[in-house]
């Protein structure tokens, strides 16, 4: 990874509810300055990131994003499910036919 990218981590766009930018946690690991010395570091690893998932603001943002989703109607869901089942059955028959063909070829021609 290039040195410029390591020194300047990508920052997420600030949400409309807060005025300060949200900082992304830095990746921990070998190489570079600091590293994972195990001392009283700044705690930028996974352990510090996990509790932020449990904060109410994070859950609120999830609910806001789910409200933006355009969910399919019942009829669209039924139609797409039928398409998936038909395509899966056709593909299964095709692959079974190939298997039977190669099996016959192996038994009658090559052996």
PDB file of N, CA and C in Angstrom:
ATOM      1  N   UNK A   1       0.848  -1.178   0.000  1.00  0.00           N
ATOM      2  CA  UNK A   1       0.000   0.000   0.000  1.00  0.00           C
ATOM      3  C   UNK A   1       0.892   1.239   0.000  1.00  0.00           C
ATOM      4  N   UNK A   2       0.510   2.243  -0.723  1.00  0.00           N
ATOM      5  CA  UNK A   2       1.314   3.450  -0.800  1.00  0.00           C
ATOM      6  C   UNK A   2       1.279   4.202   0.511  1.00  0.00           C
ATOM      7  N   UNK A   3       2.341   4.907   0.803  1.00  0.00           N
ATOM      8  CA  UNK A   3       2.489   5.600   2.073  1.00  0.00           C
ATOM      9  C   UNK A   3       1.430   6.686   2.253  1.00  0.00           C
ATOM     10  N   UNK A   4       1.060   7.387   1.164  1.00  0.00           N
ATOM     11  CA  UNK A   4       0.069   8.466   1.291  1.00  0.00           C
ATOM     12  C   UNK A   4      -1.280   7.917   1.730  1.00  0.00           C
ATOM     13  N   UNK A   5      -1.637   6.730   1.233  1.00  0.00           N
ATOM     14  CA  UNK A   5      -2.922   6.153   1.582  1.00  0.00           C
ATOM     15  C   UNK A   5      -2.948   5.690   3.034  1.00  0.00           C
ATOM     16  N   UNK A   6      -1.798   5.253   3.563  1.00  0.00           N
ATOM     17  CA  UNK A   6      -1.758   4.809   4.947  1.00  0.00           C
ATOM     18  C   UNK A   6      -1.881   5.985   5.905  1.00  0.00           C
ATOM     19  N   UNK A   7      -1.319   7.105   5.564  1.00  0.00           N
ATOM     20  CA  UNK A   7      -1.329   8.248   6.474  1.00  0.00           C
ATOM     21  C   UNK A   7      -2.653   8.973   6.488  1.00  0.00           C
ATOM     22  N   UNK A   8      -3.423   8.882   5.411  1.00  0.00           N
ATOM     23  CA  UNK A   8      -4.677   9.604   5.310  1.00  0.00           C
ATOM     24  C   UNK A   8      -5.819   8.623   5.057  1.00  0.00           C
ATOM     25  N   UNK A   9      -6.387   8.049   6.123  1.00  0.00           N
ATOM     26  CA  UNK A   9      -7.477   7.087   5.902  1.00  0.00           C
ATOM     27  C   UNK A   9      -8.709   7.776   5.340  1.00  0.00           C
ATOM     28  N   UNK A  10      -9.483   7.026   4.603  1.00  0.00           N
ATOM     29  CA  UNK A  10     -10.699   7.555   3.999  1.00  0.00           C
ATOM     30  C   UNK A  10     -11.695   7.881   5.102  1.00  0.00           C
ATOM     31  N   UNK A  11     -12.314   9.054   5.006  1.00  0.00           N
ATOM     32  CA  UNK A  11     -13.314   9.441   5.984  1.00  0.00           C
ATOM     33  C   UNK A  11     -14.688   9.359   5.354  1.00  0.00           C
ATOM     34  N   UNK A  12     -15.640   8.896   6.144  1.00  0.00           N
ATOM     35  CA  UNK A  12     -17.008   8.799   5.655  1.00  0.00           C
ATOM     36  C   UNK A  12     -17.621  10.191   5.600  1.00  0.00           C
ATOM     37  N   UNK A  13     -18.636  10.344   4.751  1.00  0.00           N
ATOM     38  CA  UNK A  13     -19.331  11.615   4.673  1.00  0.00           C
ATOM     39  C   UNK A  13     -20.094  11.834   5.971  1.00  0.00           C
ATOM     40  N   UNK A  14     -20.124  13.070   6.472  1.00  0.00           N
ATOM     41  CA  UNK A  14     -20.873  13.301   7.707  1.00  0.00           C
ATOM     42  C   UNK A  14     -22.369  13.116   7.479  1.00  0.00           C
ATOM     43  N   UNK A  15     -23.019  12.550   8.480  1.00  0.00           N
ATOM     44  CA  UNK A  15     -24.460  12.367   8.355  1.00  0.00           C
ATOM     45  C   UNK A  15     -25.165  13.697   8.583  1.00  0.00           C
ATOM     46  N   UNK A  16     -26.444  13.761   8.226  1.00  0.00           N
ATOM     47  CA  UNK A  16     -27.189  15.007   8.347  1.00  0.00           C
ATOM     48  C   UNK A  16     -27.500  15.339   9.803  1.00  0.00           C
ATOM     49  N   UNK A  17     -27.423  14.343  10.690  1.00  0.00           N
ATOM     50  CA  UNK A  17     -27.774  14.586  12.082  1.00  0.00           C
ATOM     51  C   UNK A  17     -26.610  15.164  12.878  1.00  0.00           C
ATOM     52  N   UNK A  18     -25.365  14.939  12.436  1.00  0.00           N
ATOM     53  CA  UNK A  18     -24.223  15.469  13.159  1.00  0.00           C
ATOM     54  C   UNK A  18     -23.450  16.424  12.263  1.00  0.00           C
ATOM     55  N   UNK A  19     -22.705  17.308  12.888  1.00  0.00           N
ATOM     56  CA  UNK A  19     -21.965  18.286  12.108  1.00  0.00           C
ATOM     57  C   UNK A  19     -20.499  17.910  11.967  1.00  0.00           C
ATOM     58  N   UNK A  20     -20.003  16.959  12.753  1.00  0.00           N
ATOM     59  CA  UNK A  20     -18.596  16.614  12.647  1.00  0.00           C
ATOM     60  C   UNK A  20     -18.427  15.339  11.826  1.00  0.00           C
ATOM     61  N   UNK A  21     -17.312  15.209  11.111  1.00  0.00           N
ATOM     62  CA  UNK A  21     -17.112  14.038  10.259  1.00  0.00           C
ATOM     63  C   UNK A  21     -16.883  12.784  11.097  1.00  0.00           C
ATOM     64  N   UNK A  22     -17.281  11.661  10.536  1.00  0.00           N
ATOM     65  CA  UNK A  22     -17.104  10.383  11.201  1.00  0.00           C
ATOM     66  C   UNK A  22     -15.780   9.806  10.745  1.00  0.00           C
ATOM     67  N   UNK A  23     -14.924   9.425  11.695  1.00  0.00           N
ATOM     68  CA  UNK A  23     -13.623   8.870  11.343  1.00  0.00           C
ATOM     69  C   UNK A  23     -13.712   7.364  11.313  1.00  0.00           C
ATOM     70  N   UNK A  24     -13.151   6.793  10.265  1.00  0.00           N
ATOM     71  CA  UNK A  24     -13.122   5.350  10.136  1.00  0.00           C
ATOM     72  C   UNK A  24     -11.974   4.804  10.972  1.00  0.00           C
ATOM     73  N   UNK A  25     -12.149   3.637  11.600  1.00  0.00           N
ATOM     74  CA  UNK A  25     -11.058   3.074  12.391  1.00  0.00           C
ATOM     75  C   UNK A  25      -9.930   2.611  11.493  1.00  0.00           C
ATOM     76  N   UNK A  26      -8.710   2.768  11.989  1.00  0.00           N
ATOM     77  CA  UNK A  26      -7.551   2.337  11.220  1.00  0.00           C
ATOM     78  C   UNK A  26      -7.394   0.835  11.330  1.00  0.00           C
ATOM     79  N   UNK A  27      -6.869   0.256  10.286  1.00  0.00           N
ATOM     80  CA  UNK A  27      -6.613  -1.179  10.303  1.00  0.00           C
ATOM     81  C   UNK A  27      -5.403  -1.457  11.165  1.00  0.00           C
ATOM     82  N   UNK A  28      -5.473  -2.485  11.986  1.00  0.00           N
ATOM     83  CA  UNK A  28      -4.330  -2.861  12.799  1.00  0.00           C
ATOM     84  C   UNK A  28      -3.557  -3.930  12.076  1.00  0.00           C
ATOM     85  N   UNK A  29      -2.309  -4.049  12.413  1.00  0.00           N
ATOM     86  CA  UNK A  29      -1.500  -5.081  11.769  1.00  0.00           C
ATOM     87  C   UNK A  29      -0.059  -4.653  11.703  1.00  0.00           C
ATOM     88  N   UNK A  30       0.743  -5.471  11.072  1.00  0.00           N
ATOM     89  CA  UNK A  30       2.164  -5.218  11.000  1.00  0.00           C
ATOM     90  C   UNK A  30       2.506  -4.111  10.035  1.00  0.00           C
ATOM     91  N   UNK A  31       3.754  -3.685  10.115  1.00  0.00           N
ATOM     92  CA  UNK A  31       4.237  -2.672   9.199  1.00  0.00           C
ATOM     93  C   UNK A  31       3.841  -1.272   9.628  1.00  0.00           C
ATOM     94  N   UNK A  32       4.548  -0.304   9.111  1.00  0.00           N
ATOM     95  CA  UNK A  32       4.205   1.084   9.398  1.00  0.00           C
ATOM     96  C   UNK A  32       4.593   1.492  10.799  1.00  0.00           C
ATOM     97  N   UNK A  33       4.250   2.700  11.172  1.00  0.00           N
ATOM     98  CA  UNK A  33       4.558   3.198  12.498  1.00  0.00           C
ATOM     99  C   UNK A  33       3.576   2.639  13.505  1.00  0.00           C
ATOM    100  N   UNK A  34       3.992   2.506  14.712  1.00  0.00           N
ATOM    101  CA  UNK A  34       3.093   2.062  15.766  1.00  0.00           C
ATOM    102  C   UNK A  34       2.936   0.564  15.772  1.00  0.00           C
ATOM    103  N   UNK A  35       2.336   0.010  14.774  1.00  0.00           N
ATOM    104  CA  UNK A  35       2.125  -1.424  14.707  1.00  0.00           C
ATOM    105  C   UNK A  35       1.223  -1.897  15.823  1.00  0.00           C
ATOM    106  N   UNK A  36       1.330  -3.145  16.167  1.00  0.00           N
ATOM    107  CA  UNK A  36       0.543  -3.673  17.277  1.00  0.00           C
ATOM    108  C   UNK A  36       1.498  -4.050  18.385  1.00  0.00           C
ATOM    109  N   UNK A  37       1.935  -3.046  19.134  1.00  0.00           N
ATOM    110  CA  UNK A  37       2.931  -3.278  20.163  1.00  0.00           C
ATOM    111  C   UNK A  37       2.332  -3.905  21.402  1.00  0.00           C
ATOM    112  N   UNK A  38       1.021  -3.865  21.558  1.00  0.00           N
ATOM    113  CA  UNK A  38       0.388  -4.503  22.686  1.00  0.00           C
ATOM    114  C   UNK A  38       0.347  -3.641  23.930  1.00  0.00           C
ATOM    115  N   UNK A  39       0.895  -2.452  23.900  1.00  0.00           N
ATOM    116  CA  UNK A  39       0.917  -1.574  25.055  1.00  0.00           C
ATOM    117  C   UNK A  39      -0.431  -0.920  25.275  1.00  0.00           C
ATOM    118  N   UNK A  40      -0.399   0.322  25.729  1.00  0.00           N
ATOM    119  CA  UNK A  40      -1.634   1.063  26.000  1.00  0.00           C
ATOM    120  C   UNK A  40      -2.013   1.895  24.805  1.00  0.00           C
ATOM    121  N   UNK A  41      -1.872   1.394  23.616  1.00  0.00           N
ATOM    122  CA  UNK A  41      -2.118   2.131  22.374  1.00  0.00           C
ATOM    123  C   UNK A  41      -3.451   2.861  22.347  1.00  0.00           C
ATOM    124  N   UNK A  42      -3.803   3.385  21.205  1.00  0.00           N
ATOM    125  CA  UNK A  42      -5.017   4.193  21.087  1.00  0.00           C
ATOM    126  C   UNK A  42      -6.259   3.355  20.920  1.00  0.00           C
ATOM    127  N   UNK A  43      -6.136   2.044  20.752  1.00  0.00           N
ATOM    128  CA  UNK A  43      -7.312   1.183  20.627  1.00  0.00           C
ATOM    129  C   UNK A  43      -8.050   1.374  19.326  1.00  0.00           C
ATOM    130  N   UNK A  44      -7.333   1.438  18.216  1.00  0.00           N
ATOM    131  CA  UNK A  44      -7.992   1.662  16.931  1.00  0.00           C
ATOM    132  C   UNK A  44      -8.348   0.361  16.245  1.00  0.00           C
ATOM    133  N   UNK A  45      -8.230  -0.765  16.931  1.00  0.00           N
ATOM    134  CA  UNK A  45      -8.493  -2.055  16.310  1.00  0.00           C
ATOM    135  C   UNK A  45      -9.955  -2.444  16.389  1.00  0.00           C
ATOM    136  N   UNK A  46     -10.214  -3.717  16.188  1.00  0.00           N
ATOM    137  CA  UNK A  46     -11.570  -4.245  16.153  1.00  0.00           C
ATOM    138  C   UNK A  46     -12.238  -4.103  17.511  1.00  0.00           C
ATOM    139  N   UNK A  47     -11.483  -4.250  18.588  1.00  0.00           N
ATOM    140  CA  UNK A  47     -12.069  -4.207  19.928  1.00  0.00           C
ATOM    141  C   UNK A  47     -12.735  -2.872  20.186  1.00  0.00           C
ATOM    142  N   UNK A  48     -12.160  -1.782  19.709  1.00  0.00           N
ATOM    143  CA  UNK A  48     -12.763  -0.474  19.931  1.00  0.00           C
ATOM    144  C   UNK A  48     -13.943  -0.250  18.986  1.00  0.00           C
ATOM    145  N   UNK A  49     -13.911  -0.852  17.805  1.00  0.00           N
ATOM    146  CA  UNK A  49     -14.956  -0.632  16.810  1.00  0.00           C
ATOM    147  C   UNK A  49     -16.247  -1.360  17.166  1.00  0.00           C
ATOM    148  N   UNK A  50     -16.179  -2.513  17.780  1.00  0.00           N
ATOM    149  CA  UNK A  50     -17.366  -3.316  18.060  1.00  0.00           C
ATOM    150  C   UNK A  50     -18.375  -2.585  18.934  1.00  0.00           C
ATOM    151  N   UNK A  51     -17.988  -1.916  20.042  1.00  0.00           N
ATOM    152  CA  UNK A  51     -19.017  -1.238  20.844  1.00  0.00           C
ATOM    153  C   UNK A  51     -19.761  -0.147  20.096  1.00  0.00           C
ATOM    154  N   UNK A  52     -19.142   0.479  19.092  1.00  0.00           N
ATOM    155  CA  UNK A  52     -19.844   1.524  18.362  1.00  0.00           C
ATOM    156  C   UNK A  52     -21.009   0.953  17.557  1.00  0.00           C
ATOM    157  N   UNK A  53     -20.959  -0.332  17.248  1.00  0.00           N
ATOM    158  CA  UNK A  53     -22.055  -0.971  16.524  1.00  0.00           C
ATOM    159  C   UNK A  53     -23.295  -1.020  17.404  1.00  0.00           C
ATOM    160  N   UNK A  54     -23.093  -1.094  18.688  1.00  0.00           N
ATOM    161  CA  UNK A  54     -24.209  -1.237  19.606  1.00  0.00           C
ATOM    162  C   UNK A  54     -24.815   0.106  20.015  1.00  0.00           C
ATOM    163  N   UNK A  55     -24.277   1.196  19.540  1.00  0.00           N
ATOM    164  CA  UNK A  55     -24.796   2.502  19.920  1.00  0.00           C
ATOM    165  C   UNK A  55     -26.123   2.779  19.230  1.00  0.00           C
ATOM    166  N   UNK A  56     -27.031   3.525  19.898  1.00  0.00           N
ATOM    167  CA  UNK A  56     -28.340   3.812  19.306  1.00  0.00           C
ATOM    168  C   UNK A  56     -28.258   4.585  17.989  1.00  0.00           C
ATOM    169  N   UNK A  57     -27.255   5.436  17.817  1.00  0.00           N
ATOM    170  CA  UNK A  57     -27.139   6.199  16.575  1.00  0.00           C
ATOM    171  C   UNK A  57     -26.925   5.258  15.393  1.00  0.00           C
ATOM    172  N   UNK A  58     -26.143   4.210  15.604  1.00  0.00           N
ATOM    173  CA  UNK A  58     -25.894   3.244  14.531  1.00  0.00           C
ATOM    174  C   UNK A  58     -27.183   2.522  14.162  1.00  0.00           C
ATOM    175  N   UNK A  59     -27.939   2.116  15.162  1.00  0.00           N
ATOM    176  CA  UNK A  59     -29.206   1.431  14.902  1.00  0.00           C
ATOM    177  C   UNK A  59     -30.210   2.362  14.228  1.00  0.00           C
ATOM    178  N   UNK A  60     -30.203   3.632  14.613  1.00  0.00           N
ATOM    179  CA  UNK A  60     -31.086   4.609  13.987  1.00  0.00           C
ATOM    180  C   UNK A  60     -30.759   4.771  12.506  1.00  0.00           C
ATOM    181  N   UNK A  61     -29.461   4.786  12.187  1.00  0.00           N
ATOM    182  CA  UNK A  61     -29.048   4.914  10.788  1.00  0.00           C
ATOM    183  C   UNK A  61     -29.469   3.687   9.986  1.00  0.00           C
ATOM    184  N   UNK A  62     -29.412   2.513  10.605  1.00  0.00           N
ATOM    185  CA  UNK A  62     -29.853   1.300   9.910  1.00  0.00           C
ATOM    186  C   UNK A  62     -31.337   1.409   9.583  1.00  0.00           C
ATOM    187  N   UNK A  63     -32.131   1.837  10.543  1.00  0.00           N
ATOM    188  CA  UNK A  63     -33.565   1.974  10.302  1.00  0.00           C
ATOM    189  C   UNK A  63     -33.855   3.017   9.231  1.00  0.00           C
ATOM    190  N   UNK A  64     -33.090   4.113   9.226  1.00  0.00           N
ATOM    191  CA  UNK A  64     -33.280   5.143   8.198  1.00  0.00           C
ATOM    192  C   UNK A  64     -32.976   4.576   6.815  1.00  0.00           C
ATOM    193  N   UNK A  65     -31.919   3.764   6.704  1.00  0.00           N
ATOM    194  CA  UNK A  65     -31.572   3.176   5.410  1.00  0.00           C
ATOM    195  C   UNK A  65     -32.618   2.160   4.970  1.00  0.00           C
ATOM    196  N   UNK A  66     -33.160   1.394   5.917  1.00  0.00           N
ATOM    197  CA  UNK A  66     -34.176   0.406   5.557  1.00  0.00           C
ATOM    198  C   UNK A  66     -35.463   1.071   5.083  1.00  0.00           C
ATOM    199  N   UNK A  67     -35.742   2.279   5.562  1.00  0.00           N
ATOM    200  CA  UNK A  67     -36.926   2.994   5.093  1.00  0.00           C
ATOM    201  C   UNK A  67     -36.758   3.474   3.649  1.00  0.00           C
ATOM    202  N   UNK A  68     -35.501   3.641   3.203  1.00  0.00           N
ATOM    203  CA  UNK A  68     -35.233   4.101   1.842  1.00  0.00           C
ATOM    204  C   UNK A  68     -35.336   2.979   0.816  1.00  0.00           C
ATOM    205  N   UNK A  69     -35.299   1.745   1.280  1.00  0.00           N
ATOM    206  CA  UNK A  69     -35.309   0.601   0.368  1.00  0.00           C
ATOM    207  C   UNK A  69     -36.669   0.492  -0.312  1.00  0.00           C
ATOM    208  N   UNK A  70     -36.653   0.244  -1.609  1.00  0.00           N
ATOM    209  CA  UNK A  70     -37.889   0.032  -2.342  1.00  0.00           C
ATOM    210  C   UNK A  70     -38.134  -1.470  -2.376  1.00  0.00           C
ATOM    211  N   UNK A  71     -39.007  -1.939  -1.485  1.00  0.00           N
ATOM    212  CA  UNK A  71     -39.271  -3.355  -1.354  1.00  0.00           C
ATOM    213  C   UNK A  71     -40.167  -3.816  -2.502  1.00  0.00           C
ATOM    214  N   UNK A  72     -39.957  -5.048  -2.987  1.00  0.00           N
ATOM    215  CA  UNK A  72     -40.802  -5.549  -4.076  1.00  0.00           C
ATOM    216  C   UNK A  72     -42.214  -5.859  -3.575  1.00  0.00           C
ATOM    217  N   UNK A  73     -43.156  -5.780  -4.486  1.00  0.00           N
ATOM    218  CA  UNK A  73     -44.533  -6.115  -4.127  1.00  0.00           C
ATOM    219  C   UNK A  73     -44.650  -7.630  -3.986  1.00  0.00           C
ATOM    220  N   UNK A  74     -45.779  -8.071  -3.477  1.00  0.00           N
ATOM    221  CA  UNK A  74     -46.007  -9.508  -3.299  1.00  0.00           C
ATOM    222  C   UNK A  74     -45.985 -10.221  -4.648  1.00  0.00           C
ATOM    223  N   UNK A  75     -46.610  -9.625  -5.661  1.00  0.00           N
ATOM    224  CA  UNK A  75     -46.659 -10.252  -6.981  1.00  0.00           C
ATOM    225  C   UNK A  75     -45.269 -10.338  -7.608  1.00  0.00           C
ATOM    226  N   UNK A  76     -44.457  -9.291  -7.457  1.00  0.00           N
ATOM    227  CA  UNK A  76     -43.086  -9.327  -7.975  1.00  0.00           C
ATOM    228  C   UNK A  76     -42.277 -10.422  -7.288  1.00  0.00           C
ATOM    229  N   UNK A  77     -42.466 -10.560  -5.985  1.00  0.00           N
ATOM    230  CA  UNK A  77     -41.742 -11.597  -5.245  1.00  0.00           C
ATOM    231  C   UNK A  77     -42.140 -12.990  -5.730  1.00  0.00           C
ATOM    232  N   UNK A  78     -43.427 -13.202  -5.940  1.00  0.00           N
ATOM    233  CA  UNK A  78     -43.900 -14.501  -6.429  1.00  0.00           C
ATOM    234  C   UNK A  78     -43.342 -14.779  -7.824  1.00  0.00           C
ATOM    235  N   UNK A  79     -43.411 -13.785  -8.710  1.00  0.00           N
ATOM    236  CA  UNK A  79     -42.914 -13.964 -10.078  1.00  0.00           C
ATOM    237  C   UNK A  79     -41.419 -14.291 -10.096  1.00  0.00           C
ATOM    238  N   UNK A  80     -40.635 -13.551  -9.321  1.00  0.00           N
ATOM    239  CA  UNK A  80     -39.196 -13.781  -9.304  1.00  0.00           C
ATOM    240  C   UNK A  80     -38.853 -15.127  -8.674  1.00  0.00           C
ATOM    241  N   UNK A  81     -39.630 -15.552  -7.674  1.00  0.00           N
ATOM    242  CA  UNK A  81     -39.405 -16.861  -7.072  1.00  0.00           C
ATOM    243  C   UNK A  81     -39.675 -17.971  -8.079  1.00  0.00           C
ATOM    244  N   UNK A  82     -40.736 -17.825  -8.868  1.00  0.00           N
ATOM    245  CA  UNK A  82     -41.045 -18.815  -9.907  1.00  0.00           C
ATOM    246  C   UNK A  82     -39.924 -18.858 -10.942  1.00  0.00           C
ATOM    247  N   UNK A  83     -39.407 -17.701 -11.323  1.00  0.00           N
ATOM    248  CA  UNK A  83     -38.307 -17.655 -12.300  1.00  0.00           C
ATOM    249  C   UNK A  83     -37.084 -18.388 -11.751  1.00  0.00           C
ATOM    250  N   UNK A  84     -36.757 -18.158 -10.483  1.00  0.00           N
ATOM    251  CA  UNK A  84     -35.589 -18.820  -9.888  1.00  0.00           C
ATOM    252  C   UNK A  84     -35.787 -20.334  -9.864  1.00  0.00           C
ATOM    253  N   UNK A  85     -36.987 -20.796  -9.504  1.00  0.00           N
ATOM    254  CA  UNK A  85     -37.247 -22.232  -9.441  1.00  0.00           C
ATOM    255  C   UNK A  85     -37.166 -22.853 -10.833  1.00  0.00           C
ATOM    256  N   UNK A  86     -37.736 -22.197 -11.843  1.00  0.00           N
ATOM    257  CA  UNK A  86     -37.706 -22.732 -13.216  1.00  0.00           C
ATOM    258  C   UNK A  86     -36.273 -22.782 -13.742  1.00  0.00           C
ATOM    259  N   UNK A  87     -35.514 -21.734 -13.526  1.00  0.00           N
ATOM    260  CA  UNK A  87     -34.129 -21.706 -14.018  1.00  0.00           C
ATOM    261  C   UNK A  87     -33.298 -22.766 -13.302  1.00  0.00           C
ATOM    262  N   UNK A  88     -33.497 -22.917 -11.994  1.00  0.00           N
ATOM    263  CA  UNK A  88     -32.744 -23.927 -11.242  1.00  0.00           C
ATOM    264  C   UNK A  88     -33.094 -25.326 -11.729  1.00  0.00           C
ATOM    265  N   UNK A  89     -34.387 -25.590 -11.991  1.00  0.00           N
ATOM    266  CA  UNK A  89     -34.797 -26.908 -12.488  1.00  0.00           C
ATOM    267  C   UNK A  89     -34.224 -27.169 -13.877  1.00  0.00           C
ATOM    268  N   UNK A  90     -34.278 -26.170 -14.755  1.00  0.00           N
ATOM    269  CA  UNK A  90     -33.736 -26.333 -16.107  1.00  0.00           C
ATOM    270  C   UNK A  90     -32.238 -26.576 -16.063  1.00  0.00           C
ATOM    271  N   UNK A  91     -31.539 -25.831 -15.228  1.00  0.00           N
ATOM    272  CA  UNK A  91     -30.095 -26.018 -15.112  1.00  0.00           C
ATOM    273  C   UNK A  91     -29.779 -27.386 -14.528  1.00  0.00           C
ATOM    274  N   UNK A  92     -30.585 -27.840 -13.564  1.00  0.00           N
ATOM    275  CA  UNK A  92     -30.380 -29.165 -12.991  1.00  0.00           C
ATOM    276  C   UNK A  92     -30.581 -30.264 -14.026  1.00  0.00           C
ATOM    277  N   UNK A  93     -31.624 -30.137 -14.854  1.00  0.00           N
ATOM    278  CA  UNK A  93     -31.858 -31.120 -15.919  1.00  0.00           C
ATOM    279  C   UNK A  93     -30.732 -31.111 -16.942  1.00  0.00           C
ATOM    280  N   UNK A  94     -30.262 -29.922 -17.283  1.00  0.00           N
ATOM    281  CA  UNK A  94     -29.167 -29.807 -18.251  1.00  0.00           C
ATOM    282  C   UNK A  94     -27.899 -30.459 -17.713  1.00  0.00           C
ATOM    283  N   UNK A  95     -27.560 -30.148 -16.459  1.00  0.00           N
ATOM    284  CA  UNK A  95     -26.347 -30.726 -15.864  1.00  0.00           C
ATOM    285  C   UNK A  95     -26.501 -32.229 -15.679  1.00  0.00           C
ATOM    286  N   UNK A  96     -27.710 -32.695 -15.328  1.00  0.00           N
ATOM    287  CA  UNK A  96     -27.949 -34.133 -15.220  1.00  0.00           C
ATOM    288  C   UNK A  96     -27.801 -34.819 -16.565  1.00  0.00           C
ATOM    289  N   UNK A  97     -28.285 -34.173 -17.628  1.00  0.00           N
ATOM    290  CA  UNK A  97     -28.121 -34.721 -18.975  1.00  0.00           C
ATOM    291  C   UNK A  97     -26.662 -34.817 -19.375  1.00  0.00           C
ATOM    292  N   UNK A  98     -25.898 -33.780 -19.069  1.00  0.00           N
ATOM    293  CA  UNK A  98     -24.464 -33.833 -19.363  1.00  0.00           C
ATOM    294  C   UNK A  98     -23.791 -34.958 -18.588  1.00  0.00           C
ATOM    295  N   UNK A  99     -24.148 -35.103 -17.325  1.00  0.00           N
ATOM    296  CA  UNK A  99     -23.565 -36.153 -16.498  1.00  0.00           C
ATOM    297  C   UNK A  99     -23.889 -37.528 -17.074  1.00  0.00           C
ATOM    298  N   UNK A 100     -25.147 -37.735 -17.452  1.00  0.00           N
ATOM    299  CA  UNK A 100     -25.545 -39.028 -18.025  1.00  0.00           C
ATOM    300  C   UNK A 100     -24.825 -39.268 -19.351  1.00  0.00           C
ATOM    301  N   UNK A 101     -24.670 -38.220 -20.159  1.00  0.00           N
ATOM    302  CA  UNK A 101     -23.976 -38.360 -21.449  1.00  0.00           C
ATOM    303  C   UNK A 101     -22.518 -38.750 -21.255  1.00  0.00           C
ATOM    304  N   UNK A 102     -21.846 -38.051 -20.371  1.00  0.00           N
ATOM    305  CA  UNK A 102     -20.437 -38.361 -20.122  1.00  0.00           C
ATOM    306  C   UNK A 102     -20.288 -39.738 -19.474  1.00  0.00           C
ATOM    307  N   UNK A 103     -21.227 -40.114 -18.625  1.00  0.00           N
ATOM    308  CA  UNK A 103     -21.186 -41.433 -18.012  1.00  0.00           C
ATOM    309  C   UNK A 103     -21.325 -42.518 -19.081  1.00  0.00           C
ATOM    310  N   UNK A 104     -22.281 -42.361 -20.003  1.00  0.00           N
ATOM    311  CA  UNK A 104     -22.462 -43.329 -21.087  1.00  0.00           C
ATOM    312  C   UNK A 104     -21.218 -43.367 -21.960  1.00  0.00           C
ATOM    313  N   UNK A 105     -20.668 -42.172 -22.277  1.00  0.00           N
ATOM    314  CA  UNK A 105     -19.474 -42.104 -23.117  1.00  0.00           C
ATOM    315  C   UNK A 105     -18.318 -42.837 -22.448  1.00  0.00           C
ATOM    316  N   UNK A 106     -18.158 -42.632 -21.155  1.00  0.00           N
ATOM    317  CA  UNK A 106     -17.058 -43.271 -20.435  1.00  0.00           C
ATOM    318  C   UNK A 106     -17.224 -44.778 -20.405  1.00  0.00           C
ATOM    319  N   UNK A 107     -18.451 -45.268 -20.155  1.00  0.00           N
ATOM    320  CA  UNK A 107     -18.674 -46.699 -20.038  1.00  0.00           C
ATOM    321  C   UNK A 107     -18.640 -47.416 -21.382  1.00  0.00           C
ATOM    322  N   UNK A 108     -19.207 -46.855 -22.441  1.00  0.00           N
ATOM    323  CA  UNK A 108     -19.333 -47.561 -23.700  1.00  0.00           C
ATOM    324  C   UNK A 108     -18.213 -47.299 -24.708  1.00  0.00           C
ATOM    325  N   UNK A 109     -17.642 -46.158 -24.689  1.00  0.00           N
ATOM    326  CA  UNK A 109     -16.649 -45.826 -25.700  1.00  0.00           C
ATOM    327  C   UNK A 109     -15.238 -46.001 -25.159  1.00  0.00           C
ATOM    328  N   UNK A 110     -14.961 -45.481 -24.003  1.00  0.00           N
ATOM    329  CA  UNK A 110     -13.585 -45.488 -23.496  1.00  0.00           C
ATOM    330  C   UNK A 110     -13.224 -46.787 -22.790  1.00  0.00           C
ATOM    331  N   UNK A 111     -14.178 -47.486 -22.195  1.00  0.00           N
ATOM    332  CA  UNK A 111     -13.846 -48.717 -21.462  1.00  0.00           C
ATOM    333  C   UNK A 111     -14.117 -49.955 -22.242  1.00  0.00           C
TER     334      UNK A 111
END
